[in-house]
Amino acid sequence: GGFSSEFFLSFYHGFPLDLSAVGYLLIFPFLVLSIYIFIRQSFFIKITTGYFFLMAIIIGFITAGNLGIYEEWNAQIGYKAVSYLRHFDEAVKSSSSKYIFAFFVVSALIISLAYLISKKLLTLNPHKQKKLQWLPISSFILLTPGILLLLIRGGFSEIPIMQSRCYFSKNQTINEASVNTFWNFGFDILKT
């Protein structure tokens, strides 16, 4: 019925905010890989791989934490929830065991999947690289910042992307499901 079709539409309406989150996540690797182009040391590839794995851990924890937080507070994870980590033992005691279990299972799944993907995708060997080809390199360095800016802003519109752009339903839960958890978390942290 209506709920299931709206559920699937939430992916469509949330996609621009997902792209914005990807844009933010790619700023650091772009800078590191731009340096790597000129200073061909495997150290830079290791930094990029480590960054992707660290971001997977953070996104895994944020996503898994959001599952329990939303159920309990009817709001997405943000600064308020993180501030309670100062009293970690009390937060754990007040949480249901099913949320704690779900937190660890979802976190482990996301982190494991990201680890496997990063191992497959980030296998550059700087010692096997051929002579630099300046046309692709200059295109990468000149075009990528503009592409990242478009992703982050949500396109060419005058107003940068916000959560409200994902809202399309009369059901607030569906609207909030369409909002990228990582993007929303970052926005909330920076706002406070």
N, C-alpha and C. Protein backbone atom coordinates (compact mmCIF):
# COMPACT_ATOMS: atom_id res chain seq x y z
N GLY A 1 0.79 -1.19 0.00
CA GLY A 1 0.00 0.00 0.00
C GLY A 1 0.83 1.24 0.00
N GLY A 2 0.23 2.29 0.60
CA GLY A 2 0.84 3.62 0.60
C GLY A 2 2.13 3.68 1.38
N PHE A 3 2.15 3.00 2.57
CA PHE A 3 3.35 3.07 3.39
C PHE A 3 4.55 2.44 2.69
N SER A 4 4.36 1.26 2.07
CA SER A 4 5.49 0.60 1.43
C SER A 4 5.99 1.37 0.22
N SER A 5 5.08 1.96 -0.56
CA SER A 5 5.54 2.75 -1.71
C SER A 5 6.26 4.02 -1.23
N GLU A 6 5.77 4.62 -0.14
CA GLU A 6 6.46 5.80 0.41
C GLU A 6 7.82 5.42 0.97
N PHE A 7 7.90 4.24 1.55
CA PHE A 7 9.19 3.77 2.07
C PHE A 7 10.22 3.72 0.95
N PHE A 8 9.84 3.16 -0.19
CA PHE A 8 10.78 3.08 -1.31
C PHE A 8 11.04 4.46 -1.92
N LEU A 9 10.05 5.34 -1.90
CA LEU A 9 10.25 6.70 -2.39
C LEU A 9 11.23 7.47 -1.50
N SER A 10 11.33 7.08 -0.24
CA SER A 10 12.26 7.79 0.66
C SER A 10 13.70 7.66 0.17
N PHE A 11 14.04 6.55 -0.48
CA PHE A 11 15.40 6.40 -1.04
C PHE A 11 15.61 7.40 -2.18
N TYR A 12 14.60 7.55 -3.01
CA TYR A 12 14.68 8.48 -4.13
C TYR A 12 14.81 9.93 -3.63
N HIS A 13 13.96 10.31 -2.70
CA HIS A 13 13.96 11.69 -2.20
C HIS A 13 15.19 11.98 -1.33
N GLY A 14 15.75 10.94 -0.72
CA GLY A 14 16.93 11.13 0.11
C GLY A 14 18.24 11.12 -0.66
N PHE A 15 18.20 10.69 -1.91
CA PHE A 15 19.43 10.53 -2.69
C PHE A 15 20.26 11.81 -2.80
N PRO A 16 19.66 12.99 -3.03
CA PRO A 16 20.50 14.20 -3.08
C PRO A 16 21.28 14.47 -1.78
N LEU A 17 20.67 14.18 -0.65
CA LEU A 17 21.37 14.37 0.63
C LEU A 17 22.45 13.29 0.80
N ASP A 18 22.21 12.09 0.29
CA ASP A 18 23.23 11.05 0.28
C ASP A 18 24.44 11.50 -0.54
N LEU A 19 24.18 12.09 -1.69
CA LEU A 19 25.27 12.60 -2.54
C LEU A 19 26.03 13.72 -1.84
N SER A 20 25.32 14.56 -1.12
CA SER A 20 25.97 15.64 -0.37
C SER A 20 26.89 15.05 0.69
N ALA A 21 26.43 14.03 1.40
CA ALA A 21 27.27 13.37 2.40
C ALA A 21 28.52 12.78 1.75
N VAL A 22 28.36 12.16 0.59
CA VAL A 22 29.50 11.60 -0.14
C VAL A 22 30.48 12.71 -0.51
N GLY A 23 29.95 13.85 -0.95
CA GLY A 23 30.81 14.98 -1.29
C GLY A 23 31.67 15.42 -0.11
N TYR A 24 31.05 15.53 1.06
CA TYR A 24 31.82 15.89 2.26
C TYR A 24 32.88 14.84 2.57
N LEU A 25 32.50 13.58 2.46
CA LEU A 25 33.43 12.49 2.78
C LEU A 25 34.62 12.42 1.82
N LEU A 26 34.45 12.92 0.60
CA LEU A 26 35.51 12.81 -0.40
C LEU A 26 36.48 13.99 -0.42
N ILE A 27 36.24 15.02 0.38
CA ILE A 27 37.15 16.17 0.39
C ILE A 27 38.55 15.76 0.82
N PHE A 28 38.66 15.08 1.95
CA PHE A 28 39.97 14.68 2.46
C PHE A 28 40.71 13.75 1.49
N PRO A 29 40.06 12.69 0.99
CA PRO A 29 40.78 11.83 0.03
C PRO A 29 41.22 12.58 -1.22
N PHE A 30 40.41 13.53 -1.67
CA PHE A 30 40.81 14.32 -2.84
C PHE A 30 42.11 15.07 -2.55
N LEU A 31 42.18 15.70 -1.38
CA LEU A 31 43.39 16.45 -1.04
C LEU A 31 44.61 15.53 -0.93
N VAL A 32 44.43 14.38 -0.28
CA VAL A 32 45.54 13.44 -0.10
C VAL A 32 45.98 12.88 -1.46
N LEU A 33 45.02 12.50 -2.30
CA LEU A 33 45.39 11.94 -3.61
C LEU A 33 46.00 13.00 -4.52
N SER A 34 45.61 14.26 -4.34
CA SER A 34 46.25 15.33 -5.11
C SER A 34 47.72 15.45 -4.74
N ILE A 35 48.03 15.29 -3.48
CA ILE A 35 49.44 15.31 -3.05
C ILE A 35 50.15 14.06 -3.56
N TYR A 36 49.46 12.93 -3.49
CA TYR A 36 50.04 11.66 -3.94
C TYR A 36 50.47 11.71 -5.41
N ILE A 37 49.73 12.42 -6.21
CA ILE A 37 50.05 12.53 -7.63
C ILE A 37 51.48 13.05 -7.83
N PHE A 38 51.90 13.98 -6.96
CA PHE A 38 53.21 14.60 -7.11
C PHE A 38 54.27 13.95 -6.23
N ILE A 39 53.86 13.41 -5.10
CA ILE A 39 54.79 12.74 -4.19
C ILE A 39 54.35 11.28 -4.10
N ARG A 40 54.85 10.47 -4.98
CA ARG A 40 54.36 9.10 -5.17
C ARG A 40 54.88 8.16 -4.07
N GLN A 41 54.32 8.31 -2.90
CA GLN A 41 54.68 7.44 -1.78
C GLN A 41 53.45 6.65 -1.34
N SER A 42 53.65 5.37 -1.06
CA SER A 42 52.53 4.52 -0.67
C SER A 42 51.89 4.99 0.63
N PHE A 43 52.60 5.79 1.39
CA PHE A 43 52.08 6.36 2.63
C PHE A 43 50.75 7.08 2.41
N PHE A 44 50.64 7.79 1.30
CA PHE A 44 49.41 8.54 1.01
C PHE A 44 48.23 7.60 0.71
N ILE A 45 48.51 6.49 0.08
CA ILE A 45 47.46 5.50 -0.18
C ILE A 45 47.01 4.89 1.15
N LYS A 46 47.96 4.64 2.04
CA LYS A 46 47.62 4.10 3.36
C LYS A 46 46.78 5.10 4.16
N ILE A 47 47.09 6.37 4.05
CA ILE A 47 46.29 7.41 4.73
C ILE A 47 44.87 7.38 4.20
N THR A 48 44.71 7.30 2.89
CA THR A 48 43.38 7.28 2.28
C THR A 48 42.61 6.03 2.70
N THR A 49 43.27 4.88 2.68
CA THR A 49 42.62 3.64 3.10
C THR A 49 42.22 3.73 4.57
N GLY A 50 43.11 4.23 5.41
CA GLY A 50 42.80 4.39 6.83
C GLY A 50 41.64 5.35 7.05
N TYR A 51 41.62 6.42 6.27
CA TYR A 51 40.52 7.39 6.37
C TYR A 51 39.19 6.74 6.03
N PHE A 52 39.14 5.97 4.95
CA PHE A 52 37.89 5.32 4.56
C PHE A 52 37.44 4.34 5.64
N PHE A 53 38.39 3.61 6.22
CA PHE A 53 38.02 2.66 7.26
C PHE A 53 37.55 3.39 8.52
N LEU A 54 38.22 4.48 8.89
CA LEU A 54 37.79 5.28 10.05
C LEU A 54 36.39 5.85 9.82
N MET A 55 36.14 6.36 8.62
CA MET A 55 34.81 6.89 8.31
C MET A 55 33.76 5.79 8.34
N ALA A 56 34.12 4.58 7.91
CA ALA A 56 33.18 3.45 7.98
C ALA A 56 32.83 3.15 9.43
N ILE A 57 33.82 3.20 10.31
CA ILE A 57 33.55 2.96 11.73
C ILE A 57 32.63 4.04 12.28
N ILE A 58 32.93 5.29 11.98
CA ILE A 58 32.11 6.39 12.49
C ILE A 58 30.69 6.30 11.93
N ILE A 59 30.56 6.07 10.63
CA ILE A 59 29.23 5.96 10.02
C ILE A 59 28.49 4.74 10.58
N GLY A 60 29.22 3.65 10.79
CA GLY A 60 28.60 2.46 11.37
C GLY A 60 28.03 2.75 12.75
N PHE A 61 28.82 3.43 13.59
CA PHE A 61 28.35 3.76 14.93
C PHE A 61 27.18 4.75 14.90
N ILE A 62 27.26 5.74 14.03
CA ILE A 62 26.18 6.73 13.94
C ILE A 62 24.89 6.06 13.45
N THR A 63 25.01 5.25 12.42
CA THR A 63 23.82 4.58 11.87
C THR A 63 23.21 3.62 12.87
N ALA A 64 24.06 2.81 13.50
CA ALA A 64 23.55 1.85 14.49
C ALA A 64 22.98 2.57 15.70
N GLY A 65 23.64 3.62 16.15
CA GLY A 65 23.12 4.39 17.28
C GLY A 65 21.80 5.05 16.96
N ASN A 66 21.63 5.45 15.72
CA ASN A 66 20.39 6.10 15.31
C ASN A 66 19.19 5.17 15.42
N LEU A 67 19.41 3.88 15.20
CA LEU A 67 18.31 2.92 15.29
C LEU A 67 17.66 2.94 16.66
N GLY A 68 18.47 2.88 17.70
CA GLY A 68 17.93 2.91 19.06
C GLY A 68 17.46 4.27 19.49
N ILE A 69 18.20 5.30 19.12
CA ILE A 69 17.85 6.67 19.51
C ILE A 69 16.50 7.04 18.92
N TYR A 70 16.30 6.74 17.64
CA TYR A 70 15.04 7.13 16.99
C TYR A 70 13.86 6.41 17.64
N GLU A 71 14.06 5.16 17.95
CA GLU A 71 12.98 4.39 18.59
C GLU A 71 12.61 4.98 19.95
N GLU A 72 13.63 5.38 20.71
CA GLU A 72 13.40 5.89 22.07
C GLU A 72 12.94 7.35 22.08
N TRP A 73 13.58 8.20 21.27
CA TRP A 73 13.34 9.64 21.35
C TRP A 73 12.49 10.18 20.20
N ASN A 74 12.24 9.36 19.20
CA ASN A 74 11.52 9.80 18.00
C ASN A 74 12.24 10.97 17.32
N ALA A 75 13.56 10.91 17.35
CA ALA A 75 14.40 11.93 16.71
C ALA A 75 15.69 11.26 16.26
N GLN A 76 16.33 11.83 15.24
CA GLN A 76 17.58 11.26 14.76
C GLN A 76 18.72 11.58 15.72
N ILE A 77 19.76 10.77 15.64
CA ILE A 77 20.93 10.96 16.49
C ILE A 77 21.57 12.31 16.19
N GLY A 78 22.03 12.98 17.24
CA GLY A 78 22.66 14.27 17.07
C GLY A 78 23.52 14.60 18.27
N TYR A 79 23.78 15.88 18.44
CA TYR A 79 24.65 16.35 19.52
C TYR A 79 24.14 15.93 20.89
N LYS A 80 22.83 16.04 21.10
CA LYS A 80 22.26 15.71 22.40
C LYS A 80 22.59 14.27 22.79
N ALA A 81 22.42 13.34 21.87
CA ALA A 81 22.70 11.93 22.15
C ALA A 81 24.19 11.72 22.45
N VAL A 82 25.04 12.35 21.69
CA VAL A 82 26.49 12.19 21.89
C VAL A 82 26.91 12.79 23.23
N SER A 83 26.26 13.88 23.63
CA SER A 83 26.61 14.49 24.91
C SER A 83 26.34 13.55 26.08
N TYR A 84 25.41 12.62 25.92
CA TYR A 84 25.14 11.64 26.97
C TYR A 84 26.24 10.60 27.10
N LEU A 85 27.14 10.52 26.13
CA LEU A 85 28.24 9.56 26.22
C LEU A 85 29.21 9.91 27.36
N ARG A 86 29.12 11.13 27.87
CA ARG A 86 29.93 11.48 29.05
C ARG A 86 29.52 10.62 30.24
N HIS A 87 28.28 10.18 30.22
CA HIS A 87 27.75 9.31 31.26
C HIS A 87 27.42 7.96 30.62
N PHE A 88 28.43 7.36 30.03
CA PHE A 88 28.25 6.15 29.23
C PHE A 88 27.58 5.02 30.02
N ASP A 89 28.01 4.83 31.26
CA ASP A 89 27.45 3.73 32.05
C ASP A 89 25.95 3.91 32.28
N GLU A 90 25.52 5.15 32.51
CA GLU A 90 24.08 5.41 32.69
C GLU A 90 23.31 5.21 31.39
N ALA A 91 23.92 5.62 30.28
CA ALA A 91 23.26 5.45 28.98
C ALA A 91 23.06 3.98 28.67
N VAL A 92 24.06 3.16 28.98
CA VAL A 92 23.95 1.72 28.72
C VAL A 92 22.89 1.10 29.64
N LYS A 93 22.89 1.51 30.90
CA LYS A 93 21.91 0.96 31.87
C LYS A 93 20.48 1.30 31.48
N SER A 94 20.28 2.48 30.90
CA SER A 94 18.92 2.90 30.55
C SER A 94 18.47 2.35 29.20
N SER A 95 19.39 1.74 28.45
CA SER A 95 19.04 1.20 27.13
C SER A 95 18.60 -0.25 27.25
N SER A 96 17.70 -0.60 26.38
CA SER A 96 17.24 -1.99 26.33
C SER A 96 18.34 -2.87 25.74
N SER A 97 18.41 -4.13 26.19
CA SER A 97 19.45 -5.03 25.69
C SER A 97 19.31 -5.28 24.19
N LYS A 98 18.08 -5.22 23.66
CA LYS A 98 17.91 -5.44 22.22
C LYS A 98 18.55 -4.30 21.41
N TYR A 99 18.52 -3.06 21.95
CA TYR A 99 19.15 -1.94 21.25
C TYR A 99 20.67 -2.04 21.31
N ILE A 100 21.17 -2.48 22.45
CA ILE A 100 22.62 -2.65 22.59
C ILE A 100 23.11 -3.73 21.64
N PHE A 101 22.39 -4.85 21.59
CA PHE A 101 22.73 -5.94 20.68
C PHE A 101 22.65 -5.46 19.22
N ALA A 102 21.57 -4.78 18.87
CA ALA A 102 21.40 -4.28 17.50
C ALA A 102 22.50 -3.29 17.14
N PHE A 103 22.89 -2.44 18.10
CA PHE A 103 23.95 -1.47 17.87
C PHE A 103 25.23 -2.19 17.44
N PHE A 104 25.62 -3.22 18.19
CA PHE A 104 26.86 -3.91 17.88
C PHE A 104 26.76 -4.73 16.60
N VAL A 105 25.63 -5.35 16.35
CA VAL A 105 25.47 -6.15 15.12
C VAL A 105 25.50 -5.25 13.89
N VAL A 106 24.71 -4.16 13.91
CA VAL A 106 24.66 -3.25 12.75
C VAL A 106 26.02 -2.59 12.55
N SER A 107 26.66 -2.15 13.62
CA SER A 107 28.00 -1.55 13.51
C SER A 107 28.98 -2.53 12.89
N ALA A 108 28.98 -3.77 13.38
CA ALA A 108 29.91 -4.78 12.87
C ALA A 108 29.66 -5.06 11.40
N LEU A 109 28.38 -5.13 11.00
CA LEU A 109 28.07 -5.39 9.59
C LEU A 109 28.55 -4.25 8.69
N ILE A 110 28.27 -3.03 9.08
CA ILE A 110 28.67 -1.87 8.26
C ILE A 110 30.19 -1.78 8.18
N ILE A 111 30.86 -1.95 9.30
CA ILE A 111 32.32 -1.85 9.33
C ILE A 111 32.95 -2.99 8.51
N SER A 112 32.43 -4.19 8.65
CA SER A 112 32.96 -5.33 7.88
C SER A 112 32.78 -5.14 6.39
N LEU A 113 31.60 -4.71 6.00
CA LEU A 113 31.33 -4.45 4.59
C LEU A 113 32.25 -3.37 4.04
N ALA A 114 32.41 -2.29 4.79
CA ALA A 114 33.30 -1.21 4.34
C ALA A 114 34.74 -1.69 4.25
N TYR A 115 35.16 -2.51 5.18
CA TYR A 115 36.53 -3.04 5.14
C TYR A 115 36.75 -3.87 3.88
N LEU A 116 35.80 -4.75 3.59
CA LEU A 116 35.93 -5.59 2.39
C LEU A 116 35.93 -4.75 1.11
N ILE A 117 35.06 -3.76 1.05
CA ILE A 117 35.00 -2.89 -0.13
C ILE A 117 36.29 -2.08 -0.26
N SER A 118 36.78 -1.53 0.85
CA SER A 118 37.99 -0.72 0.78
C SER A 118 39.20 -1.56 0.37
N LYS A 119 39.25 -2.81 0.79
CA LYS A 119 40.35 -3.68 0.39
C LYS A 119 40.31 -3.96 -1.11
N LYS A 120 39.11 -4.08 -1.66
CA LYS A 120 38.97 -4.33 -3.11
C LYS A 120 39.27 -3.08 -3.93
N LEU A 121 38.75 -1.94 -3.48
CA LEU A 121 38.85 -0.72 -4.29
C LEU A 121 40.16 0.01 -4.13
N LEU A 122 40.74 -0.03 -2.95
CA LEU A 122 41.93 0.78 -2.69
C LEU A 122 43.19 -0.07 -2.72
N THR A 123 43.46 -0.64 -3.87
CA THR A 123 44.63 -1.51 -4.01
C THR A 123 45.66 -0.91 -4.96
N LEU A 124 45.80 0.39 -4.94
CA LEU A 124 46.80 1.01 -5.79
C LEU A 124 48.20 0.67 -5.29
N ASN A 125 49.06 0.34 -6.21
CA ASN A 125 50.45 0.07 -5.87
C ASN A 125 51.30 1.16 -6.52
N PRO A 126 51.83 2.08 -5.72
CA PRO A 126 52.56 3.21 -6.31
C PRO A 126 53.81 2.79 -7.07
N HIS A 127 54.34 1.62 -6.78
CA HIS A 127 55.55 1.19 -7.47
C HIS A 127 55.26 0.63 -8.86
N LYS A 128 54.01 0.29 -9.13
CA LYS A 128 53.63 -0.24 -10.43
C LYS A 128 53.05 0.83 -11.35
N GLN A 129 52.95 2.04 -10.84
CA GLN A 129 52.37 3.12 -11.63
C GLN A 129 53.32 3.53 -12.75
N LYS A 130 52.72 3.80 -13.88
CA LYS A 130 53.51 4.22 -15.03
C LYS A 130 53.79 5.72 -14.95
N LYS A 131 54.38 6.23 -15.99
CA LYS A 131 54.69 7.65 -16.09
C LYS A 131 53.40 8.46 -15.95
N LEU A 132 53.51 9.61 -15.31
CA LEU A 132 52.35 10.48 -15.11
C LEU A 132 51.75 10.92 -16.44
N GLN A 133 50.44 10.86 -16.53
CA GLN A 133 49.73 11.35 -17.70
C GLN A 133 49.03 12.64 -17.28
N TRP A 134 49.50 13.75 -17.81
CA TRP A 134 49.10 15.05 -17.30
C TRP A 134 47.66 15.44 -17.64
N LEU A 135 47.11 14.97 -18.73
CA LEU A 135 45.73 15.33 -19.04
C LEU A 135 44.75 14.77 -18.02
N PRO A 136 44.79 13.47 -17.68
CA PRO A 136 43.88 12.97 -16.65
C PRO A 136 44.16 13.57 -15.27
N ILE A 137 45.43 13.80 -14.97
CA ILE A 137 45.79 14.36 -13.67
C ILE A 137 45.29 15.78 -13.54
N SER A 138 45.53 16.60 -14.55
CA SER A 138 45.06 17.99 -14.48
C SER A 138 43.53 18.05 -14.48
N SER A 139 42.89 17.15 -15.22
CA SER A 139 41.41 17.10 -15.20
C SER A 139 40.93 16.75 -13.80
N PHE A 140 41.57 15.78 -13.16
CA PHE A 140 41.21 15.38 -11.79
C PHE A 140 41.34 16.56 -10.84
N ILE A 141 42.48 17.24 -10.89
CA ILE A 141 42.75 18.33 -9.95
C ILE A 141 41.86 19.54 -10.22
N LEU A 142 41.56 19.82 -11.47
CA LEU A 142 40.75 21.00 -11.80
C LEU A 142 39.25 20.76 -11.67
N LEU A 143 38.77 19.57 -12.03
CA LEU A 143 37.32 19.32 -12.06
C LEU A 143 36.76 18.81 -10.73
N THR A 144 37.54 18.05 -9.99
CA THR A 144 37.02 17.43 -8.78
C THR A 144 36.52 18.43 -7.74
N PRO A 145 37.23 19.54 -7.47
CA PRO A 145 36.67 20.49 -6.49
C PRO A 145 35.29 21.01 -6.88
N GLY A 146 35.08 21.28 -8.14
CA GLY A 146 33.76 21.75 -8.60
C GLY A 146 32.70 20.68 -8.46
N ILE A 147 33.06 19.45 -8.78
CA ILE A 147 32.11 18.34 -8.64
C ILE A 147 31.76 18.14 -7.17
N LEU A 148 32.77 18.17 -6.30
CA LEU A 148 32.51 18.02 -4.86
C LEU A 148 31.62 19.14 -4.34
N LEU A 149 31.88 20.35 -4.79
CA LEU A 149 31.05 21.49 -4.35
C LEU A 149 29.60 21.30 -4.80
N LEU A 150 29.39 20.85 -6.03
CA LEU A 150 28.03 20.58 -6.51
C LEU A 150 27.35 19.48 -5.69
N LEU A 151 28.10 18.44 -5.37
CA LEU A 151 27.53 17.37 -4.55
C LEU A 151 27.15 17.89 -3.17
N ILE A 152 28.06 18.63 -2.55
CA ILE A 152 27.84 19.14 -1.20
C ILE A 152 26.65 20.10 -1.16
N ARG A 153 26.57 20.99 -2.13
CA ARG A 153 25.48 21.98 -2.15
C ARG A 153 24.16 21.38 -2.60
N GLY A 154 24.20 20.24 -3.25
CA GLY A 154 22.97 19.63 -3.74
C GLY A 154 22.58 20.11 -5.12
N GLY A 155 23.54 20.56 -5.90
CA GLY A 155 23.27 21.00 -7.26
C GLY A 155 23.51 22.48 -7.45
N PHE A 156 22.83 23.04 -8.46
CA PHE A 156 23.05 24.42 -8.86
C PHE A 156 22.09 25.42 -8.21
N SER A 157 21.21 24.98 -7.36
CA SER A 157 20.22 25.90 -6.79
C SER A 157 20.89 26.96 -5.93
N GLU A 158 20.16 28.08 -5.73
CA GLU A 158 20.70 29.19 -4.95
C GLU A 158 20.89 28.81 -3.49
N ILE A 159 20.01 27.98 -2.98
CA ILE A 159 20.04 27.60 -1.57
C ILE A 159 20.69 26.22 -1.44
N PRO A 160 21.68 26.09 -0.54
CA PRO A 160 22.29 24.77 -0.35
C PRO A 160 21.27 23.75 0.17
N ILE A 161 21.57 22.50 -0.05
CA ILE A 161 20.65 21.43 0.33
C ILE A 161 20.45 21.40 1.85
N MET A 162 19.24 21.08 2.24
CA MET A 162 18.88 20.92 3.65
C MET A 162 18.02 19.66 3.78
N GLN A 163 17.78 19.26 5.02
CA GLN A 163 16.98 18.07 5.26
C GLN A 163 15.59 18.19 4.64
N SER A 164 15.02 19.37 4.66
CA SER A 164 13.65 19.57 4.18
C SER A 164 13.50 19.19 2.70
N ARG A 165 14.59 19.17 1.97
CA ARG A 165 14.52 18.80 0.55
C ARG A 165 14.13 17.32 0.39
N CYS A 166 14.35 16.54 1.42
CA CYS A 166 14.02 15.11 1.38
C CYS A 166 12.58 14.84 1.77
N TYR A 167 11.92 15.81 2.37
CA TYR A 167 10.57 15.59 2.89
C TYR A 167 9.56 15.59 1.75
N PHE A 168 8.72 14.57 1.73
CA PHE A 168 7.73 14.45 0.68
C PHE A 168 6.43 13.83 1.17
N SER A 169 6.45 13.29 2.38
CA SER A 169 5.33 12.51 2.87
C SER A 169 4.61 13.23 4.01
N LYS A 170 3.37 12.85 4.24
CA LYS A 170 2.64 13.35 5.40
C LYS A 170 3.08 12.60 6.66
N ASN A 171 3.75 11.47 6.46
CA ASN A 171 4.25 10.65 7.56
C ASN A 171 5.66 11.13 7.93
N GLN A 172 5.81 11.71 9.12
CA GLN A 172 7.10 12.28 9.53
C GLN A 172 8.19 11.21 9.64
N THR A 173 7.84 10.00 10.02
CA THR A 173 8.83 8.92 10.11
C THR A 173 9.42 8.62 8.74
N ILE A 174 8.58 8.60 7.71
CA ILE A 174 9.07 8.38 6.34
C ILE A 174 9.99 9.52 5.93
N ASN A 175 9.60 10.76 6.24
CA ASN A 175 10.44 11.90 5.90
C ASN A 175 11.81 11.80 6.57
N GLU A 176 11.82 11.45 7.84
CA GLU A 176 13.09 11.36 8.55
C GLU A 176 13.92 10.17 8.07
N ALA A 177 13.26 9.12 7.60
CA ALA A 177 13.99 7.98 7.03
C ALA A 177 14.71 8.36 5.75
N SER A 178 14.21 9.36 5.06
CA SER A 178 14.84 9.78 3.80
C SER A 178 16.06 10.68 4.03
N VAL A 179 16.26 11.15 5.26
CA VAL A 179 17.38 12.03 5.57
C VAL A 179 18.61 11.19 5.90
N ASN A 180 19.71 11.46 5.24
CA ASN A 180 20.96 10.75 5.47
C ASN A 180 21.40 10.96 6.92
N THR A 181 21.56 9.87 7.65
CA THR A 181 21.89 9.94 9.07
C THR A 181 23.23 10.62 9.31
N PHE A 182 24.25 10.27 8.52
CA PHE A 182 25.57 10.87 8.69
C PHE A 182 25.53 12.37 8.41
N TRP A 183 24.87 12.77 7.33
CA TRP A 183 24.77 14.19 6.97
C TRP A 183 24.05 14.94 8.08
N ASN A 184 22.93 14.39 8.53
CA ASN A 184 22.13 15.03 9.57
C ASN A 184 22.91 15.16 10.87
N PHE A 185 23.67 14.12 11.22
CA PHE A 185 24.48 14.13 12.43
C PHE A 185 25.53 15.25 12.34
N GLY A 186 26.24 15.32 11.21
CA GLY A 186 27.23 16.37 11.03
C GLY A 186 26.63 17.76 11.10
N PHE A 187 25.47 17.93 10.46
CA PHE A 187 24.78 19.22 10.49
C PHE A 187 24.42 19.61 11.91
N ASP A 188 23.90 18.65 12.68
CA ASP A 188 23.48 18.93 14.05
C ASP A 188 24.69 19.26 14.94
N ILE A 189 25.79 18.56 14.76
CA ILE A 189 27.00 18.82 15.54
C ILE A 189 27.53 20.22 15.23
N LEU A 190 27.60 20.58 13.94
CA LEU A 190 28.12 21.89 13.55
C LEU A 190 27.19 23.02 13.96
N LYS A 191 25.91 22.74 14.03
CA LYS A 191 24.90 23.75 14.39
C LYS A 191 25.01 24.14 15.86
N THR A 192 25.47 23.22 16.72
CA THR A 192 25.51 23.50 18.16
C THR A 192 26.85 23.99 18.63
